[in-house]
Amino acid sequence: MPSASDSLIEDIEDMVSSGDPTPHERQSARKNIMPRSRKRKDTLVYLPFLCSLIPGTQKVWMKTWGCSHNSSDGEYMAGQLAASGYKMTEADVWLLNSCTVKNPAEDHFRNSIKKAQDQQKKVVVAGCVPQAQPRMDYLKGLSIIGVQQIDRVVEVVDEAVKGHSVRLLGQKKDGGRKLGGARLDLPKIRKNPLIEIISINTGCLNACTYCKTKHARGDLASYPIEELVERARQSFQEGVCEIWLTSEDTGAYGRDIGTDLPTLLWKLVEEIPDGAMLRLGMTNPPYILEHLQEMAKVLNHPRVYAFLHVPVQSASDSVLMDMKREYCIDDFKRVVDFLKERVPGVTIATDIICGFPGETEEDFQETVELVKHYQFPSLFINQFYPRPGTPAAKMDQVPAHVKKQRTKELSQVFHSYSPYGHKVGERQHVLVTEESFDTQYYVAHNKFYEQVLVPKRAEFKGKMIEVDVYEAGKHFMKGKPVEDSTPFTPSISAPLLKGEVSGLKQVNAQITMALQNHYVNANLLMEGCCEMRKHGSSVWVVVFQSKDRLLKHECALKFGFTLLNATG
């Protein structure tokens, strides 16, 4: 019997060759068949992602920079590698998942590549930098995984281990229409087993003059609602108690497939267990304006955080026009004012760029007044960096010392007010999901996604608890658990362990069902009558006794498995 490591076929199309008998010849031959004893015969069923059964020997170290969308991509890549037998730890292969938003992030990425090369490591790069600029000198000779090709990370790493360079940068399409990206049901390793990050779409409809991410992620492409709902459902079954929806612009979701963001949110809300929470990611003003009434209703739902990240970037209409942001400052104010009125206590987070080309002192002061007026509790202040290849890089630049001074001045305004001081003495329900950076506290969030530090007690992790706020800082509050309250468990099942691969249980269940549906006792695996074998570097096989070749081919068609016969 051939070894599972032998090259059984060159390609899937080679399974039926020109030398095989035709159906007519096969039928005619049956008339001349003489009865004889049947030789033992095994069937190889090729199945993906069963590698947890046989651990791999190679190691991969992974580093991710950037937004939550990039973090989700990184989790998927880590999950597929682990599911294929790789160990995710310090190793001879470095997988670097990059961010192209700012110069410093790309600088860190470039420096990491050099460090890896200096240490004779094999390097695979991913993320927005190589997708947008694959011909950069420092990327020469490196393997690249495009942002829509993360489902092929195992192939690329396999080849990198062999010393080969592979570049996969294509877009996923269906009938000419761009897809949101790789499948959502791929294995992944959540950085935090309690939090699932779901990318609802990729790309956007804007063409901001400063943005390099557009070069990498492209135009808007949304996932179908049913796929997103199924991903959320699977996440809750794996013990997740908080879901983050992410994309380059969540407000534009669905415009390419005939639906919209509120429709998706209401479908997702139906799946959220009591006590679990949903957080909506960044949305630009133009598209959320169309759904303000419905968005207010969603944000008031008890299982949705009353939180929205709406980047304004500047309060000057002149600067916004040069940025091609497709809204004016009054549009932004309308969004904020409406939500503050209809969603009491809502948290509005925003972003501001200081020193955009052409920004005058008057322009900047308009932005300062906006911050003073709204006193945003969460404000991301960014000094402008011209990104290569963007229109803004060719504009007349504001002097570096002026950009630095404006960034400093706006930061001082932000630190001049206390957003949480008035909440001391309140009693709040908070969901505990993380550990603080100094490891001294657990981090929880209240209904408004405001950070509340609570005592680090194991029984609180992943629970909804009641606290009395006794202290407030600039970015957080501290809460004392109410003595007579009982922590509530929102998860419908125990969360996965740290580093455990998501999705494998579902794959194993599908295999068991496939075997049982075709009259094969899946318990044979446990009894030793069936076994797992490896074929190639990332494919695993189930080997079991066969009875009917025609039945096996029906199984292949129905479940998409590759079937081969081998005599033993």
Protein backbone atom coordinates (compact mmCIF):
# COMPACT_ATOMS: atom_id res chain seq x y z
CA MET A 1 0.00 0.00 0.00
CA PRO A 2 1.45 3.43 -0.87
CA SER A 3 2.63 5.62 1.96
CA ALA A 4 0.52 8.69 2.65
CA SER A 5 3.63 10.75 2.09
CA ASP A 6 4.03 9.42 -1.47
CA SER A 7 3.01 11.68 -4.35
CA LEU A 8 -0.21 9.85 -5.24
CA ILE A 9 -1.40 12.27 -7.89
CA GLU A 10 0.16 15.27 -9.58
CA ASP A 11 -3.04 17.29 -9.60
CA ILE A 12 -6.71 16.86 -8.74
CA GLU A 13 -7.59 16.83 -12.44
CA ASP A 14 -5.30 13.81 -12.93
CA MET A 15 -7.59 11.54 -10.90
CA VAL A 16 -9.54 10.72 -14.08
CA SER A 17 -7.13 10.18 -16.93
CA SER A 18 -7.59 9.49 -20.62
CA GLY A 19 -6.57 5.89 -19.97
CA ASP A 20 -9.48 5.17 -17.63
CA PRO A 21 -12.37 3.06 -19.02
CA THR A 22 -15.47 4.91 -20.15
CA PRO A 23 -18.79 4.31 -18.32
CA HIS A 24 -19.95 2.16 -21.32
CA GLU A 25 -16.79 0.02 -21.19
CA ARG A 26 -17.14 -0.36 -17.44
CA GLN A 27 -20.76 -1.52 -17.77
CA SER A 28 -19.86 -4.06 -20.49
CA ALA A 29 -17.02 -5.45 -18.41
CA ARG A 30 -19.38 -6.29 -15.54
CA LYS A 31 -20.92 -9.15 -17.61
CA ASN A 32 -17.62 -11.04 -17.54
CA ILE A 33 -16.83 -10.64 -13.85
CA MET A 34 -16.17 -13.93 -12.04
CA PRO A 35 -16.85 -14.16 -8.29
CA ARG A 36 -13.68 -14.20 -6.19
CA SER A 37 -12.56 -13.31 -2.71
CA ARG A 38 -12.33 -9.57 -2.13
CA LYS A 39 -8.93 -8.19 -1.26
CA ARG A 40 -8.69 -5.77 1.60
CA LYS A 41 -8.91 -2.27 0.29
CA ASP A 42 -8.52 1.08 2.03
CA THR A 43 -9.90 4.45 1.04
CA LEU A 44 -8.02 7.68 1.58
CA VAL A 45 -10.31 10.61 2.35
CA TYR A 46 -8.42 13.87 2.11
CA LEU A 47 -9.59 16.37 4.70
CA PRO A 48 -8.17 19.77 5.72
CA PHE A 49 -7.36 21.10 9.20
CA LEU A 50 -7.12 17.81 11.16
CA CYS A 51 -3.56 18.53 12.16
CA SER A 52 -4.35 18.91 15.86
CA LEU A 53 -4.42 15.10 15.91
CA ILE A 54 -0.75 14.86 14.98
CA PRO A 55 1.37 17.83 16.15
CA GLY A 56 3.83 19.38 13.73
CA THR A 57 7.52 19.85 14.35
CA GLN A 58 8.17 23.27 12.79
CA LYS A 59 7.79 26.61 14.55
CA VAL A 60 6.56 30.00 13.37
CA TRP A 61 6.80 33.32 15.19
CA MET A 62 4.18 35.90 14.24
CA LYS A 63 3.91 39.65 14.79
CA THR A 64 0.92 41.82 13.82
CA TRP A 65 0.72 45.61 13.62
CA GLY A 66 -2.29 47.84 13.04
CA CYS A 67 -6.06 47.82 13.24
CA SER A 68 -8.51 45.20 14.49
CA HIS A 69 -9.09 44.05 10.89
CA ASN A 70 -5.40 43.23 10.66
CA SER A 71 -5.56 41.57 14.07
CA SER A 72 -8.38 39.34 12.84
CA ASP A 73 -6.34 38.41 9.76
CA GLY A 74 -3.44 37.55 12.05
CA GLU A 75 -5.64 35.32 14.20
CA TYR A 76 -6.82 33.44 11.11
CA MET A 77 -3.29 32.93 9.83
CA ALA A 78 -2.08 31.71 13.23
CA GLY A 79 -5.04 29.32 13.47
CA GLN A 80 -4.42 27.76 10.08
CA LEU A 81 -0.72 27.30 10.78
CA ALA A 82 -1.40 25.72 14.17
CA ALA A 83 -4.10 23.53 12.65
CA SER A 84 -1.55 22.33 10.10
CA GLY A 85 0.92 21.27 12.77
CA TYR A 86 3.05 24.40 13.17
CA LYS A 87 3.86 25.64 16.67
CA MET A 88 3.32 29.37 17.13
CA THR A 89 6.38 30.40 19.14
CA GLU A 90 9.93 31.75 18.73
CA ALA A 91 11.16 30.04 15.62
CA ASP A 92 13.24 29.96 12.46
CA VAL A 93 10.30 31.31 10.40
CA TRP A 94 8.98 34.81 11.05
CA LEU A 95 5.53 35.80 9.77
CA LEU A 96 5.22 39.61 9.87
CA ASN A 97 1.72 41.05 9.38
CA SER A 98 2.10 44.74 8.54
CA CYS A 99 0.16 48.02 8.72
CA THR A 100 0.51 50.83 6.18
CA VAL A 101 -1.46 53.60 7.91
CA LYS A 102 1.54 55.46 9.35
CA ASN A 103 5.25 55.72 8.64
CA PRO A 104 6.28 54.55 12.14
CA ALA A 105 4.31 51.29 11.75
CA GLU A 106 6.03 50.55 8.44
CA ASP A 107 9.39 51.47 9.97
CA HIS A 108 8.87 48.88 12.72
CA PHE A 109 7.90 46.34 10.07
CA ARG A 110 10.98 47.06 7.96
CA ASN A 111 13.26 46.88 11.00
CA SER A 112 11.76 43.53 11.99
CA ILE A 113 12.52 42.14 8.53
CA LYS A 114 16.15 43.25 8.83
CA LYS A 115 16.42 41.78 12.32
CA ALA A 116 15.06 38.46 11.08
CA GLN A 117 17.42 38.40 8.14
CA ASP A 118 20.39 39.29 10.36
CA GLN A 119 19.50 36.26 12.49
CA GLN A 120 19.23 34.00 9.41
CA LYS A 121 15.48 33.56 9.82
CA LYS A 122 13.16 32.73 6.98
CA VAL A 123 10.68 35.60 6.48
CA VAL A 124 7.09 35.66 5.23
CA VAL A 125 5.33 39.03 5.07
CA ALA A 126 1.63 39.83 5.05
CA GLY A 127 -0.74 42.74 5.57
CA CYS A 128 -1.25 46.07 3.86
CA VAL A 129 2.38 47.12 3.23
CA PRO A 130 3.38 44.33 0.81
CA GLN A 131 -0.10 44.27 -0.73
CA ALA A 132 0.13 47.98 -1.58
CA GLN A 133 3.85 48.05 -2.49
CA PRO A 134 5.12 44.54 -3.29
CA ARG A 135 8.07 45.90 -5.29
CA MET A 136 9.72 47.75 -2.42
CA ASP A 137 13.44 47.03 -2.31
CA TYR A 138 13.37 45.64 1.23
CA LEU A 139 10.73 43.09 0.19
CA LYS A 140 12.82 41.56 -2.61
CA GLY A 141 13.07 37.79 -2.37
CA LEU A 142 10.49 37.53 0.42
CA SER A 143 7.32 35.46 0.31
CA ILE A 144 4.14 37.56 0.44
CA ILE A 145 0.61 36.71 1.54
CA GLY A 146 -1.92 39.20 0.16
CA VAL A 147 -4.70 40.54 2.37
CA GLN A 148 -7.28 38.42 0.49
CA GLN A 149 -5.09 35.31 0.42
CA ILE A 150 -4.74 34.59 4.13
CA ASP A 151 -6.46 31.23 3.62
CA ARG A 152 -3.31 30.11 1.77
CA VAL A 153 -0.84 31.01 4.50
CA VAL A 154 0.12 27.36 5.08
CA GLU A 155 1.14 26.95 1.44
CA VAL A 156 3.32 30.04 1.56
CA VAL A 157 5.00 29.13 4.85
CA ASP A 158 5.55 25.57 3.62
CA GLU A 159 7.42 26.92 0.61
CA ALA A 160 9.36 29.45 2.70
CA VAL A 161 10.57 26.59 4.91
CA LYS A 162 11.92 24.93 1.75
CA GLY A 163 13.72 28.13 0.80
CA HIS A 164 11.31 29.14 -1.98
CA SER A 165 9.76 32.57 -2.51
CA VAL A 166 6.00 32.71 -3.17
CA ARG A 167 3.82 35.77 -3.73
CA LEU A 168 0.02 35.56 -3.59
CA LEU A 169 -1.54 39.00 -4.09
CA GLY A 170 -4.71 38.32 -6.07
CA GLN A 171 -8.29 39.33 -5.24
CA LYS A 172 -11.01 36.81 -4.48
CA LYS A 173 -13.93 37.12 -6.88
CA ASP A 174 -17.21 35.37 -7.64
CA GLY A 175 -18.52 35.92 -11.13
CA GLY A 176 -16.44 39.06 -11.47
CA ARG A 177 -17.61 40.52 -8.15
CA LYS A 178 -14.97 41.14 -5.50
CA LEU A 179 -15.50 39.12 -2.32
CA GLY A 180 -14.95 40.25 1.24
CA GLY A 181 -11.93 37.98 1.56
CA ALA A 182 -11.11 34.52 2.81
CA ARG A 183 -13.83 32.32 4.31
CA LEU A 184 -14.95 33.26 7.82
CA ASP A 185 -15.08 29.65 9.04
CA LEU A 186 -11.32 29.09 8.81
CA PRO A 187 -9.45 27.96 11.94
CA LYS A 188 -8.13 30.84 14.03
CA ILE A 189 -6.39 31.45 17.34
CA ARG A 190 -8.05 34.32 19.18
CA LYS A 191 -5.58 36.57 20.98
CA ASN A 192 -8.25 36.79 23.65
CA PRO A 193 -10.46 33.66 23.79
CA LEU A 194 -13.33 35.81 25.09
CA ILE A 195 -13.34 38.24 22.15
CA GLU A 196 -14.16 37.44 18.53
CA ILE A 197 -13.16 39.99 15.88
CA ILE A 198 -15.30 39.71 12.75
CA SER A 199 -14.45 41.60 9.58
CA ILE A 200 -17.80 42.44 7.98
CA ASN A 201 -16.33 43.94 4.81
CA THR A 202 -13.03 44.95 3.31
CA GLY A 203 -12.11 48.13 1.49
CA CYS A 204 -14.22 51.27 1.29
CA LEU A 205 -16.02 53.63 -1.08
CA ASN A 206 -13.84 56.66 -0.37
CA ALA A 207 -10.61 57.90 -1.95
CA CYS A 208 -9.02 59.90 0.88
CA THR A 209 -5.90 61.65 -0.38
CA TYR A 210 -3.75 60.64 2.61
CA CYS A 211 -4.78 56.97 2.83
CA LYS A 212 -2.44 54.15 1.84
CA THR A 213 -4.77 51.44 3.13
CA LYS A 214 -7.03 51.97 0.11
CA HIS A 215 -4.15 50.82 -2.10
CA ALA A 216 -4.07 47.54 -0.18
CA ARG A 217 -7.71 46.82 0.69
CA GLY A 218 -9.28 48.33 -2.43
CA ASP A 219 -12.95 49.03 -3.01
CA LEU A 220 -15.79 47.91 -0.79
CA ALA A 221 -16.58 44.19 -0.66
CA SER A 222 -19.03 42.91 1.95
CA TYR A 223 -19.58 39.45 3.41
CA PRO A 224 -23.15 38.11 3.15
CA ILE A 225 -25.25 38.50 6.28
CA GLU A 226 -25.81 34.76 6.68
CA GLU A 227 -22.03 34.10 6.76
CA LEU A 228 -21.47 36.78 9.40
CA VAL A 229 -24.34 35.50 11.53
CA GLU A 230 -22.99 31.96 11.31
CA ARG A 231 -19.53 33.16 12.36
CA ALA A 232 -21.01 34.94 15.37
CA ARG A 233 -23.04 31.84 16.26
CA GLN A 234 -19.93 29.64 16.12
CA SER A 235 -18.00 32.12 18.26
CA PHE A 236 -20.60 32.08 21.01
CA GLN A 237 -20.57 28.27 20.92
CA GLU A 238 -16.84 28.48 21.65
CA GLY A 239 -17.28 30.57 24.79
CA VAL A 240 -16.89 34.08 23.34
CA CYS A 241 -18.75 36.77 25.27
CA GLU A 242 -17.84 39.86 23.24
CA ILE A 243 -17.84 40.44 19.48
CA TRP A 244 -16.11 43.28 17.67
CA LEU A 245 -17.27 44.16 14.17
CA THR A 246 -14.48 45.66 12.12
CA SER A 247 -13.67 46.94 8.64
CA GLU A 248 -12.21 50.00 6.93
CA ASP A 249 -15.70 51.55 7.11
CA THR A 250 -18.50 49.60 8.80
CA GLY A 251 -21.04 52.26 7.85
CA ALA A 252 -20.65 51.38 4.18
CA TYR A 253 -21.40 47.71 4.83
CA GLY A 254 -23.73 46.05 2.35
CA ARG A 255 -23.97 48.81 -0.25
CA ASP A 256 -22.32 46.49 -2.76
CA ILE A 257 -24.64 43.53 -2.08
CA GLY A 258 -27.98 45.23 -1.63
CA THR A 259 -28.23 45.46 2.14
CA ASP A 260 -27.06 47.79 4.93
CA LEU A 261 -25.47 47.93 8.37
CA PRO A 262 -28.65 48.17 10.52
CA THR A 263 -30.08 45.06 8.83
CA LEU A 264 -26.91 43.14 9.70
CA LEU A 265 -26.86 44.42 13.29
CA TRP A 266 -30.45 43.35 14.00
CA LYS A 267 -29.70 39.86 12.68
CA LEU A 268 -26.61 39.62 14.88
CA VAL A 269 -28.43 40.88 17.96
CA GLU A 270 -30.73 37.86 17.71
CA GLU A 271 -27.70 35.59 18.26
CA ILE A 272 -26.14 37.39 21.24
CA PRO A 273 -26.64 35.56 24.56
CA ASP A 274 -27.80 37.52 27.61
CA GLY A 275 -24.87 39.32 29.18
CA ALA A 276 -22.68 39.11 26.05
CA MET A 277 -21.97 42.28 24.10
CA LEU A 278 -21.45 43.55 20.56
CA ARG A 279 -19.09 46.43 19.71
CA LEU A 280 -19.35 48.25 16.39
CA GLY A 281 -16.13 49.42 14.72
CA MET A 282 -15.17 52.54 12.85
CA THR A 283 -17.65 54.24 10.52
CA ASN A 284 -17.17 57.37 8.45
CA PRO A 285 -19.85 60.10 8.62
CA PRO A 286 -21.23 59.96 5.03
CA TYR A 287 -22.80 56.51 5.23
CA ILE A 288 -23.91 56.45 8.84
CA LEU A 289 -25.89 59.64 8.17
CA GLU A 290 -28.38 57.59 6.16
CA HIS A 291 -29.11 55.26 9.10
CA LEU A 292 -29.10 57.54 12.16
CA GLN A 293 -32.61 56.64 13.34
CA GLU A 294 -32.01 52.90 13.13
CA MET A 295 -28.48 53.15 14.52
CA ALA A 296 -29.78 54.93 17.60
CA LYS A 297 -32.20 52.05 18.21
CA VAL A 298 -29.42 49.48 17.82
CA LEU A 299 -27.04 51.32 20.15
CA ASN A 300 -29.77 51.45 22.80
CA HIS A 301 -30.11 47.67 22.73
CA PRO A 302 -28.91 46.15 26.05
CA ARG A 303 -26.55 43.72 24.28
CA VAL A 304 -24.88 46.38 22.11
CA TYR A 305 -22.31 48.83 23.44
CA ALA A 306 -23.50 52.44 23.17
CA PHE A 307 -20.23 53.28 21.45
CA LEU A 308 -19.34 54.53 17.99
CA HIS A 309 -15.98 55.44 16.44
CA VAL A 310 -16.53 58.25 13.91
CA PRO A 311 -13.28 59.80 12.63
CA VAL A 312 -13.60 63.53 11.93
CA GLN A 313 -9.90 64.14 11.00
CA SER A 314 -10.37 67.92 10.91
CA ALA A 315 -13.01 70.52 11.79
CA SER A 316 -12.11 72.67 8.80
CA ASP A 317 -14.23 72.22 5.67
CA SER A 318 -11.29 73.40 3.59
CA VAL A 319 -9.03 70.68 4.97
CA LEU A 320 -11.77 68.06 4.68
CA MET A 321 -12.15 68.98 1.02
CA ASP A 322 -8.41 68.56 0.42
CA MET A 323 -8.62 65.20 2.18
CA LYS A 324 -11.58 64.21 -0.05
CA ARG A 325 -13.49 63.06 3.02
CA GLU A 326 -16.89 63.55 1.27
CA TYR A 327 -18.56 65.32 4.19
CA CYS A 328 -18.45 68.71 5.87
CA ILE A 329 -18.05 69.43 9.55
CA ASP A 330 -21.79 70.05 9.94
CA ASP A 331 -22.41 66.45 8.80
CA PHE A 332 -20.15 65.18 11.56
CA LYS A 333 -21.83 67.40 14.16
CA ARG A 334 -25.25 66.16 13.04
CA VAL A 335 -24.18 62.55 13.64
CA VAL A 336 -22.76 63.31 17.10
CA ASP A 337 -25.63 65.57 18.22
CA PHE A 338 -28.32 63.14 17.04
CA LEU A 339 -26.75 60.14 18.78
CA LYS A 340 -26.09 62.05 22.00
CA GLU A 341 -29.76 63.05 22.08
CA ARG A 342 -31.22 59.63 21.19
CA VAL A 343 -28.66 57.41 22.99
CA PRO A 344 -28.11 58.95 26.44
CA GLY A 345 -24.51 58.53 27.60
CA VAL A 346 -23.26 57.30 24.21
CA THR A 347 -19.49 57.30 23.74
CA ILE A 348 -18.26 58.91 20.53
CA ALA A 349 -14.61 58.24 19.73
CA THR A 350 -12.89 60.15 16.94
CA ASP A 351 -9.59 60.66 15.11
CA ILE A 352 -7.81 63.89 14.21
CA ILE A 353 -4.86 64.52 11.89
CA CYS A 354 -2.64 67.46 12.83
CA GLY A 355 -0.67 69.27 10.13
CA PHE A 356 -2.36 67.99 6.98
CA PRO A 357 -0.93 69.73 3.88
CA GLY A 358 -2.43 73.19 3.49
CA GLU A 359 -3.81 73.33 7.05
CA THR A 360 -3.63 76.91 8.29
CA GLU A 361 -3.54 78.08 11.89
CA GLU A 362 -7.19 79.09 11.50
CA ASP A 363 -8.06 75.62 10.25
CA PHE A 364 -6.31 74.05 13.20
CA GLN A 365 -8.05 76.30 15.74
CA GLU A 366 -11.41 75.18 14.38
CA THR A 367 -10.37 71.64 15.26
CA VAL A 368 -9.27 72.73 18.73
CA GLU A 369 -12.68 74.34 19.34
CA LEU A 370 -14.43 71.15 18.21
CA VAL A 371 -12.54 69.11 20.81
CA LYS A 372 -13.23 71.66 23.53
CA HIS A 373 -16.93 71.62 22.69
CA TYR A 374 -17.51 67.87 22.61
CA GLN A 375 -14.75 66.77 25.00
CA PHE A 376 -14.42 63.39 23.33
CA PRO A 377 -13.57 60.77 25.98
CA SER A 378 -11.61 58.77 23.37
CA LEU A 379 -9.52 60.81 20.95
CA PHE A 380 -6.79 59.51 18.62
CA ILE A 381 -4.45 62.37 17.69
CA ASN A 382 -2.13 61.71 14.76
CA GLN A 383 0.63 63.89 13.39
CA PHE A 384 0.40 63.82 9.60
CA TYR A 385 2.85 61.56 7.80
CA PRO A 386 2.91 61.64 3.97
CA ARG A 387 2.53 58.09 2.70
CA PRO A 388 4.36 57.27 -0.54
CA GLY A 389 2.11 57.10 -3.59
CA THR A 390 -0.76 59.09 -2.07
CA PRO A 391 -1.94 62.45 -3.47
CA ALA A 392 -1.32 64.12 -0.11
CA ALA A 393 2.37 63.24 -0.33
CA LYS A 394 2.63 65.52 -3.38
CA MET A 395 0.92 68.50 -1.73
CA ASP A 396 2.73 71.41 -0.08
CA GLN A 397 3.67 70.12 3.35
CA VAL A 398 3.24 71.88 6.68
CA PRO A 399 6.69 72.33 8.31
CA ALA A 400 7.61 69.47 10.65
CA HIS A 401 8.00 71.73 13.71
CA VAL A 402 4.50 73.18 13.11
CA LYS A 403 2.96 69.71 12.85
CA LYS A 404 4.69 68.71 16.06
CA GLN A 405 3.54 71.84 17.88
CA ARG A 406 -0.09 71.42 16.79
CA THR A 407 -0.07 67.79 17.86
CA LYS A 408 1.25 68.82 21.27
CA GLU A 409 -1.29 71.63 21.65
CA LEU A 410 -4.25 69.39 20.80
CA SER A 411 -2.97 66.73 23.20
CA GLN A 412 -2.90 69.33 25.96
CA VAL A 413 -6.50 70.27 25.24
CA PHE A 414 -7.50 66.59 25.39
CA HIS A 415 -5.79 66.13 28.76
CA SER A 416 -7.37 69.29 30.17
CA TYR A 417 -10.73 67.68 30.91
CA SER A 418 -11.85 64.62 32.86
CA PRO A 419 -14.47 62.59 31.02
CA TYR A 420 -15.29 60.22 33.90
CA GLY A 421 -15.05 62.30 37.06
CA HIS A 422 -18.82 62.75 37.29
CA LYS A 423 -19.31 58.97 37.33
CA VAL A 424 -17.66 58.35 40.68
CA GLY A 425 -20.30 56.88 42.97
CA GLU A 426 -22.29 55.24 40.18
CA ARG A 427 -23.25 51.56 40.28
CA GLN A 428 -22.60 49.89 36.93
CA HIS A 429 -22.80 46.49 35.27
CA VAL A 430 -19.53 45.69 33.51
CA LEU A 431 -18.30 42.80 31.35
CA VAL A 432 -14.83 41.55 32.34
CA THR A 433 -12.79 40.42 29.33
CA GLU A 434 -9.13 41.42 29.62
CA GLU A 435 -6.12 41.96 31.87
CA SER A 436 -4.57 45.40 32.36
CA PHE A 437 -1.14 46.11 30.88
CA ASP A 438 0.44 46.19 34.33
CA THR A 439 -1.29 42.85 35.14
CA GLN A 440 -2.62 44.31 38.41
CA TYR A 441 -6.31 44.46 37.40
CA TYR A 442 -8.88 42.91 35.15
CA VAL A 443 -10.32 45.25 32.51
CA ALA A 444 -14.07 45.48 32.13
CA HIS A 445 -16.35 47.72 30.08
CA ASN A 446 -19.73 49.19 30.94
CA LYS A 447 -22.65 49.72 28.56
CA PHE A 448 -20.87 52.75 27.04
CA TYR A 449 -17.64 50.82 26.44
CA GLU A 450 -15.89 52.87 29.11
CA GLN A 451 -12.97 51.08 30.71
CA VAL A 452 -13.45 49.99 34.32
CA LEU A 453 -10.64 48.33 36.27
CA VAL A 454 -11.78 45.67 38.74
CA PRO A 455 -9.95 43.39 41.21
CA LYS A 456 -8.07 40.55 39.56
CA ARG A 457 -10.14 37.63 40.79
CA ALA A 458 -10.37 34.52 38.64
CA GLU A 459 -14.11 34.15 39.13
CA PHE A 460 -14.68 37.54 37.40
CA LYS A 461 -13.02 36.71 34.05
CA GLY A 462 -15.62 36.46 31.29
CA LYS A 463 -18.42 37.49 33.66
CA MET A 464 -20.86 40.36 33.87
CA ILE A 465 -20.47 41.84 37.37
CA GLU A 466 -21.88 44.79 39.31
CA VAL A 467 -19.47 47.41 40.66
CA ASP A 468 -19.48 50.71 42.50
CA VAL A 469 -17.20 53.28 40.82
CA TYR A 470 -14.87 54.79 43.44
CA GLU A 471 -12.13 56.42 41.32
CA ALA A 472 -11.78 57.98 37.88
CA GLY A 473 -8.70 58.68 35.77
CA LYS A 474 -8.27 60.10 32.29
CA HIS A 475 -8.79 56.80 30.47
CA PHE A 476 -10.47 54.58 33.05
CA MET A 477 -12.56 54.17 36.16
CA LYS A 478 -12.02 51.79 39.06
CA GLY A 479 -14.88 49.70 40.38
CA LYS A 480 -15.42 47.83 43.61
CA PRO A 481 -17.57 44.69 43.23
CA VAL A 482 -20.92 44.92 44.99
CA GLU A 483 -20.77 42.42 47.85
CA ASP A 484 -24.21 40.87 47.58
CA SER A 485 -24.21 40.60 43.77
CA THR A 486 -23.51 37.38 41.87
CA PRO A 487 -21.36 37.38 38.72
CA PHE A 488 -23.37 36.44 35.66
CA THR A 489 -21.91 34.12 33.00
CA PRO A 490 -22.91 35.27 29.50
CA SER A 491 -21.02 32.51 27.65
CA ILE A 492 -23.16 29.58 26.54
CA SER A 493 -20.13 27.26 26.79
CA ALA A 494 -16.65 27.27 28.30
CA PRO A 495 -14.21 29.48 26.36
CA LEU A 496 -11.33 27.94 24.47
CA LEU A 497 -7.97 27.82 26.19
CA LYS A 498 -5.35 30.46 25.41
CA GLY A 499 -3.77 29.44 22.11
CA GLU A 500 -6.42 26.83 21.29
CA VAL A 501 -7.53 26.73 17.67
CA SER A 502 -11.08 27.84 16.91
CA GLY A 503 -13.12 25.90 14.40
CA LEU A 504 -11.55 22.44 14.71
CA LYS A 505 -14.45 21.04 16.70
CA GLN A 506 -16.82 22.00 13.90
CA VAL A 507 -14.56 20.39 11.29
CA ASN A 508 -14.30 17.18 13.31
CA ALA A 509 -18.09 17.12 13.73
CA GLN A 510 -18.55 17.51 9.96
CA ILE A 511 -16.21 14.58 9.34
CA THR A 512 -18.03 12.36 11.81
CA MET A 513 -21.35 13.24 10.18
CA ALA A 514 -19.92 12.55 6.72
CA LEU A 515 -18.68 9.13 7.73
CA GLN A 516 -21.91 8.23 9.51
CA ASN A 517 -24.08 9.43 6.62
CA HIS A 518 -22.22 7.01 4.36
CA TYR A 519 -22.68 3.99 6.59
CA VAL A 520 -19.18 4.05 7.99
CA ASN A 521 -18.93 3.72 11.74
CA ALA A 522 -17.00 6.79 12.87
CA ASN A 523 -16.08 4.93 16.08
CA LEU A 524 -13.68 2.88 13.98
CA LEU A 525 -11.28 5.78 14.42
CA MET A 526 -11.34 5.16 18.16
CA GLU A 527 -11.11 1.38 17.73
CA GLY A 528 -8.02 1.59 15.56
CA CYS A 529 -9.72 0.29 12.40
CA CYS A 530 -9.27 3.74 10.90
CA GLU A 531 -6.30 6.02 11.18
CA MET A 532 -5.04 9.52 10.36
CA ARG A 533 -2.21 9.92 7.89
CA LYS A 534 -0.41 12.90 6.42
CA HIS A 535 -0.24 13.67 2.68
CA GLY A 536 2.03 16.55 1.74
CA SER A 537 2.68 19.32 4.24
CA SER A 538 -0.82 20.53 5.09
CA VAL A 539 -3.33 17.80 4.24
CA TRP A 540 -4.46 15.01 6.53
CA VAL A 541 -6.29 11.85 5.56
CA VAL A 542 -8.71 9.45 7.19
CA VAL A 543 -8.09 5.84 6.16
CA PHE A 544 -10.95 3.35 6.59
CA GLN A 545 -12.19 0.03 5.17
CA SER A 546 -14.20 0.48 1.97
CA LYS A 547 -17.08 -1.54 0.56
CA ASP A 548 -18.47 0.32 -2.39
CA ARG A 549 -16.38 2.47 -4.73
CA LEU A 550 -19.49 4.17 -6.15
CA LEU A 551 -20.60 5.11 -2.63
CA LYS A 552 -17.22 6.66 -1.97
CA HIS A 553 -17.47 8.84 -5.04
CA GLU A 554 -20.92 10.05 -3.95
CA CYS A 555 -19.33 11.04 -0.66
CA ALA A 556 -16.66 12.98 -2.51
CA LEU A 557 -19.23 14.91 -4.52
CA LYS A 558 -21.45 15.70 -1.57
CA PHE A 559 -18.82 16.76 0.92
CA GLY A 560 -16.05 17.95 -1.32
CA PHE A 561 -13.58 15.33 -0.08
CA THR A 562 -10.91 13.87 -2.34
CA LEU A 563 -11.08 10.08 -2.43
CA LEU A 564 -8.42 7.66 -3.54
CA ASN A 565 -8.26 3.88 -3.38
CA ALA A 566 -5.18 2.03 -2.20
CA THR A 567 -4.76 -1.70 -1.97
CA GLY A 568 -3.17 -3.24 1.10
